[in-house]
Amino acid sequence: MAKLMNVSPRGNVARIYCTRAFNDITSGRITYHDFQSRSPKFIRVIQGR
């Protein structure tokens, strides 16, 4: 997962994943459906783009 997210495996991958997903769902950038289906839009979000 760290490689997909473009973060160091030594970093807190779970915290970064949750923070990015939560922030972008609440801001409206992605929908809960994007989150559930792991859409390309969601993948870009967890990569920090």
Protein backbone atom coordinates (compact mmCIF):
# COMPACT_ATOMS: atom_id res chain seq x y z
CA MET A 1 0.00 0.00 0.00
CA ALA A 2 2.86 2.39 0.77
CA LYS A 3 4.19 2.01 -2.77
CA LEU A 4 0.76 2.75 -4.27
CA MET A 5 0.42 5.82 -2.05
CA ASN A 6 3.94 7.11 -2.86
CA VAL A 7 5.00 7.21 0.79
CA SER A 8 7.82 5.64 2.76
CA PRO A 9 7.02 2.18 4.16
CA ARG A 10 8.50 3.43 7.42
CA GLY A 11 5.93 6.20 7.62
CA ASN A 12 2.56 5.83 9.24
CA VAL A 13 0.82 4.49 6.12
CA ALA A 14 -2.52 3.80 7.81
CA ARG A 15 -2.75 7.32 9.23
CA ILE A 16 -1.83 8.93 5.89
CA TYR A 17 -4.36 6.75 4.04
CA CYS A 18 -7.18 7.64 6.43
CA THR A 19 -6.32 11.33 6.52
CA ARG A 20 -6.21 11.67 2.74
CA ALA A 21 -9.41 9.68 2.20
CA PHE A 22 -11.33 11.44 4.98
CA ASN A 23 -10.27 14.95 3.97
CA ASP A 24 -11.20 14.47 0.33
CA ILE A 25 -14.54 12.83 1.09
CA THR A 26 -15.48 15.68 3.43
CA SER A 27 -14.32 18.32 0.94
CA GLY A 28 -16.40 16.71 -1.81
CA ARG A 29 -13.45 15.92 -4.06
CA ILE A 30 -14.41 12.23 -4.04
CA THR A 31 -17.60 10.41 -3.12
CA TYR A 32 -18.14 7.50 -0.79
CA HIS A 33 -18.82 5.43 -3.91
CA ASP A 34 -15.33 6.33 -5.23
CA PHE A 35 -13.94 5.16 -1.90
CA GLN A 36 -15.84 1.86 -1.97
CA SER A 37 -15.04 1.03 -5.60
CA ARG A 38 -11.41 2.20 -5.43
CA SER A 39 -11.97 4.32 -8.53
CA PRO A 40 -9.07 5.96 -10.38
CA LYS A 41 -10.09 9.27 -8.78
CA PHE A 42 -9.73 7.66 -5.34
CA ILE A 43 -6.32 6.23 -6.24
CA ARG A 44 -5.11 9.72 -7.21
CA VAL A 45 -6.35 11.04 -3.87
CA ILE A 46 -4.48 8.50 -1.76
CA GLN A 47 -1.39 9.18 -3.84
CA GLY A 48 -1.61 12.79 -2.76
CA ARG A 49 -2.26 14.20 -6.25
